[in-house]
Amino acid sequence: MSMTTRTSVRKNKHFILNQARLKMAQKVLGTTTETDTIEVALERVITEADKNKKAWAANDKFLRDGRKSGLVIEDVFGRLEE
C-alpha cells in the first residue's frame, strides 16, 4: 500500500508533542513541515513493521524446511524454539 493510499483520508488532529524531538525527526527525515514529518515517520514505522513480519516469516520457513531436510541448526544464542 503506498503512502498516497494511506493518506487519502486526512483528518485534522491536535497533538501535544515534544518540539525538540519533532525538529530532530524533521532534520533526520529531511521534511519541511511538521505534518510531513509525522506522515513520513508513520509510513516508515508501518513499512518497517511489514519488513519485520516478512523477515520473521522467512526465518520460520527456513527453520521448518531445514528441519524437514535434516539440517542441524546449532542455537548458539538460545533464541530458537523447539
N, C-alpha and C. Protein backbone atom coordinates (compact mmCIF):
# COMPACT_ATOMS: atom_id res chain seq x y z
N MET A 1 0.85 -1.17 0.00
CA MET A 1 0.00 0.00 0.00
C MET A 1 0.90 1.24 0.00
N SER A 2 0.66 2.15 -0.86
CA SER A 2 1.50 3.34 -0.95
C SER A 2 1.06 4.40 0.05
N MET A 3 1.95 5.36 0.25
CA MET A 3 1.65 6.44 1.18
C MET A 3 0.45 7.24 0.68
N THR A 4 0.31 7.38 -0.61
CA THR A 4 -0.83 8.11 -1.17
C THR A 4 -2.14 7.47 -0.76
N THR A 5 -2.19 6.14 -0.81
CA THR A 5 -3.40 5.42 -0.42
C THR A 5 -3.68 5.63 1.06
N ARG A 6 -2.64 5.55 1.86
CA ARG A 6 -2.82 5.68 3.30
C ARG A 6 -3.22 7.09 3.70
N THR A 7 -2.81 8.09 2.95
CA THR A 7 -3.11 9.47 3.33
C THR A 7 -4.30 10.04 2.59
N SER A 8 -5.00 9.22 1.83
CA SER A 8 -6.11 9.74 1.05
C SER A 8 -7.25 10.25 1.93
N VAL A 9 -7.39 9.72 3.12
CA VAL A 9 -8.39 10.22 4.06
C VAL A 9 -7.62 10.93 5.17
N ARG A 10 -7.72 12.23 5.16
CA ARG A 10 -6.97 13.01 6.15
C ARG A 10 -7.95 13.68 7.10
N LYS A 11 -7.56 13.70 8.36
CA LYS A 11 -8.37 14.36 9.38
C LYS A 11 -7.50 15.32 10.16
N ASN A 12 -8.07 16.40 10.58
CA ASN A 12 -7.36 17.36 11.39
C ASN A 12 -7.22 16.80 12.81
N LYS A 13 -5.99 16.73 13.30
CA LYS A 13 -5.72 16.22 14.65
C LYS A 13 -4.94 17.26 15.43
N HIS A 14 -5.10 17.23 16.70
CA HIS A 14 -4.36 18.14 17.57
C HIS A 14 -3.59 17.31 18.57
N PHE A 15 -2.26 17.51 18.59
CA PHE A 15 -1.38 16.75 19.46
C PHE A 15 -0.51 17.69 20.27
N ILE A 16 -0.14 17.25 21.44
CA ILE A 16 0.87 17.95 22.23
C ILE A 16 2.13 17.11 22.09
N LEU A 17 3.12 17.63 21.37
CA LEU A 17 4.33 16.88 21.05
C LEU A 17 5.56 17.60 21.58
N ASN A 18 6.59 16.83 21.83
CA ASN A 18 7.88 17.37 22.23
C ASN A 18 8.47 18.07 21.01
N GLN A 19 8.58 19.38 21.06
CA GLN A 19 9.01 20.17 19.91
C GLN A 19 10.44 19.85 19.51
N ALA A 20 11.30 19.62 20.46
CA ALA A 20 12.71 19.31 20.15
C ALA A 20 12.80 17.98 19.39
N ARG A 21 12.05 16.99 19.83
CA ARG A 21 12.07 15.69 19.15
C ARG A 21 11.47 15.80 17.75
N LEU A 22 10.43 16.59 17.61
CA LEU A 22 9.81 16.79 16.30
C LEU A 22 10.80 17.46 15.35
N LYS A 23 11.53 18.45 15.82
CA LYS A 23 12.53 19.12 14.99
C LYS A 23 13.68 18.18 14.63
N MET A 24 14.10 17.34 15.58
CA MET A 24 15.16 16.36 15.28
C MET A 24 14.69 15.37 14.22
N ALA A 25 13.45 14.91 14.36
CA ALA A 25 12.89 13.97 13.37
C ALA A 25 12.79 14.65 12.01
N GLN A 26 12.40 15.89 12.00
CA GLN A 26 12.28 16.65 10.76
C GLN A 26 13.64 16.75 10.06
N LYS A 27 14.68 16.98 10.83
CA LYS A 27 16.04 17.07 10.28
C LYS A 27 16.49 15.71 9.75
N VAL A 28 16.26 14.65 10.52
CA VAL A 28 16.65 13.30 10.11
C VAL A 28 15.91 12.88 8.85
N LEU A 29 14.63 13.16 8.79
CA LEU A 29 13.81 12.73 7.66
C LEU A 29 13.91 13.67 6.45
N GLY A 30 14.44 14.85 6.66
CA GLY A 30 14.57 15.81 5.57
C GLY A 30 13.25 16.40 5.12
N THR A 31 12.31 16.47 6.02
CA THR A 31 11.00 17.02 5.70
C THR A 31 10.97 18.52 5.99
N THR A 32 10.03 19.21 5.36
CA THR A 32 9.98 20.66 5.52
C THR A 32 8.88 21.12 6.48
N THR A 33 7.86 20.28 6.66
CA THR A 33 6.78 20.67 7.57
C THR A 33 6.61 19.63 8.67
N GLU A 34 6.00 20.04 9.73
CA GLU A 34 5.75 19.11 10.82
C GLU A 34 4.77 18.01 10.40
N THR A 35 3.79 18.37 9.61
CA THR A 35 2.82 17.37 9.11
C THR A 35 3.54 16.33 8.27
N ASP A 36 4.40 16.79 7.34
CA ASP A 36 5.17 15.85 6.53
C ASP A 36 6.06 14.96 7.40
N THR A 37 6.64 15.53 8.43
CA THR A 37 7.49 14.77 9.33
C THR A 37 6.71 13.62 9.97
N ILE A 38 5.54 13.92 10.46
CA ILE A 38 4.72 12.89 11.09
C ILE A 38 4.26 11.86 10.07
N GLU A 39 3.86 12.32 8.89
CA GLU A 39 3.42 11.39 7.82
C GLU A 39 4.55 10.45 7.43
N VAL A 40 5.76 10.97 7.19
CA VAL A 40 6.89 10.14 6.78
C VAL A 40 7.28 9.19 7.91
N ALA A 41 7.29 9.68 9.13
CA ALA A 41 7.63 8.82 10.27
C ALA A 41 6.63 7.66 10.41
N LEU A 42 5.36 7.95 10.27
CA LEU A 42 4.34 6.90 10.34
C LEU A 42 4.52 5.89 9.21
N GLU A 43 4.78 6.38 8.02
CA GLU A 43 4.98 5.49 6.87
C GLU A 43 6.19 4.58 7.10
N ARG A 44 7.25 5.13 7.64
CA ARG A 44 8.45 4.32 7.90
C ARG A 44 8.20 3.27 8.98
N VAL A 45 7.45 3.62 9.99
CA VAL A 45 7.11 2.64 11.04
C VAL A 45 6.29 1.50 10.46
N ILE A 46 5.30 1.84 9.64
CA ILE A 46 4.45 0.82 9.03
C ILE A 46 5.26 -0.06 8.09
N THR A 47 6.12 0.54 7.28
CA THR A 47 6.96 -0.21 6.35
C THR A 47 7.91 -1.13 7.09
N GLU A 48 8.53 -0.62 8.15
CA GLU A 48 9.47 -1.42 8.94
C GLU A 48 8.76 -2.61 9.59
N ALA A 49 7.57 -2.39 10.11
CA ALA A 49 6.81 -3.48 10.72
C ALA A 49 6.49 -4.55 9.68
N ASP A 50 6.14 -4.13 8.46
CA ASP A 50 5.86 -5.08 7.39
C ASP A 50 7.11 -5.87 7.01
N LYS A 51 8.25 -5.19 6.92
CA LYS A 51 9.52 -5.87 6.61
C LYS A 51 9.86 -6.88 7.70
N ASN A 52 9.70 -6.49 8.95
CA ASN A 52 9.99 -7.40 10.07
C ASN A 52 9.09 -8.63 10.03
N LYS A 53 7.82 -8.43 9.74
CA LYS A 53 6.87 -9.54 9.65
C LYS A 53 7.32 -10.52 8.56
N LYS A 54 7.70 -9.99 7.40
CA LYS A 54 8.16 -10.83 6.30
C LYS A 54 9.47 -11.54 6.63
N ALA A 55 10.38 -10.85 7.30
CA ALA A 55 11.66 -11.46 7.67
C ALA A 55 11.46 -12.60 8.66
N TRP A 56 10.59 -12.41 9.64
CA TRP A 56 10.32 -13.49 10.60
C TRP A 56 9.64 -14.67 9.93
N ALA A 57 8.75 -14.40 8.99
CA ALA A 57 8.09 -15.49 8.26
C ALA A 57 9.12 -16.27 7.43
N ALA A 58 10.05 -15.57 6.79
CA ALA A 58 11.10 -16.24 6.03
C ALA A 58 12.01 -17.06 6.94
N ASN A 59 12.32 -16.52 8.11
CA ASN A 59 13.14 -17.23 9.08
C ASN A 59 12.45 -18.51 9.54
N ASP A 60 11.17 -18.38 9.86
CA ASP A 60 10.40 -19.56 10.29
C ASP A 60 10.34 -20.62 9.20
N LYS A 61 10.16 -20.19 7.96
CA LYS A 61 10.12 -21.13 6.84
C LYS A 61 11.47 -21.82 6.68
N PHE A 62 12.54 -21.05 6.78
CA PHE A 62 13.89 -21.62 6.69
C PHE A 62 14.10 -22.70 7.76
N LEU A 63 13.69 -22.39 8.98
CA LEU A 63 13.86 -23.35 10.07
C LEU A 63 13.02 -24.61 9.85
N ARG A 64 11.77 -24.43 9.44
CA ARG A 64 10.90 -25.58 9.17
C ARG A 64 11.47 -26.44 8.05
N ASP A 65 11.83 -25.80 6.93
CA ASP A 65 12.37 -26.54 5.79
C ASP A 65 13.70 -27.20 6.14
N GLY A 66 14.50 -26.52 6.92
CA GLY A 66 15.79 -27.09 7.33
C GLY A 66 15.61 -28.32 8.18
N ARG A 67 14.69 -28.26 9.10
CA ARG A 67 14.43 -29.42 9.96
C ARG A 67 13.90 -30.60 9.15
N LYS A 68 13.03 -30.31 8.18
CA LYS A 68 12.47 -31.37 7.33
C LYS A 68 13.56 -32.06 6.52
N SER A 69 14.55 -31.30 6.08
CA SER A 69 15.60 -31.87 5.24
C SER A 69 16.77 -32.42 6.06
N GLY A 70 16.65 -32.38 7.38
CA GLY A 70 17.68 -32.94 8.23
C GLY A 70 18.81 -31.98 8.57
N LEU A 71 18.64 -30.73 8.24
CA LEU A 71 19.65 -29.73 8.56
C LEU A 71 19.73 -29.57 10.07
N VAL A 72 20.94 -29.59 10.60
CA VAL A 72 21.13 -29.41 12.04
C VAL A 72 21.51 -27.95 12.26
N ILE A 73 20.71 -27.27 13.05
CA ILE A 73 20.94 -25.86 13.34
C ILE A 73 21.34 -25.74 14.80
N GLU A 74 22.53 -25.18 15.03
CA GLU A 74 23.00 -25.02 16.40
C GLU A 74 22.58 -23.64 16.88
N ASP A 75 21.83 -23.61 17.95
CA ASP A 75 21.29 -22.37 18.51
C ASP A 75 22.26 -21.81 19.54
N VAL A 76 23.29 -21.14 19.06
CA VAL A 76 24.35 -20.65 19.96
C VAL A 76 23.88 -19.48 20.84
N PHE A 77 22.79 -18.82 20.46
CA PHE A 77 22.27 -17.71 21.25
C PHE A 77 21.05 -18.08 22.09
N GLY A 78 20.56 -19.31 21.94
CA GLY A 78 19.41 -19.76 22.71
C GLY A 78 18.12 -19.06 22.35
N ARG A 79 17.94 -18.74 21.08
CA ARG A 79 16.75 -17.99 20.66
C ARG A 79 15.73 -18.82 19.89
N LEU A 80 16.09 -20.02 19.48
CA LEU A 80 15.16 -20.83 18.69
C LEU A 80 14.27 -21.66 19.60
N GLU A 81 13.03 -21.77 19.19
CA GLU A 81 12.09 -22.57 19.96
C GLU A 81 12.15 -24.01 19.48
N GLU A 82 11.81 -24.91 20.36
CA GLU A 82 11.77 -26.33 19.99
C GLU A 82 10.48 -26.65 19.28
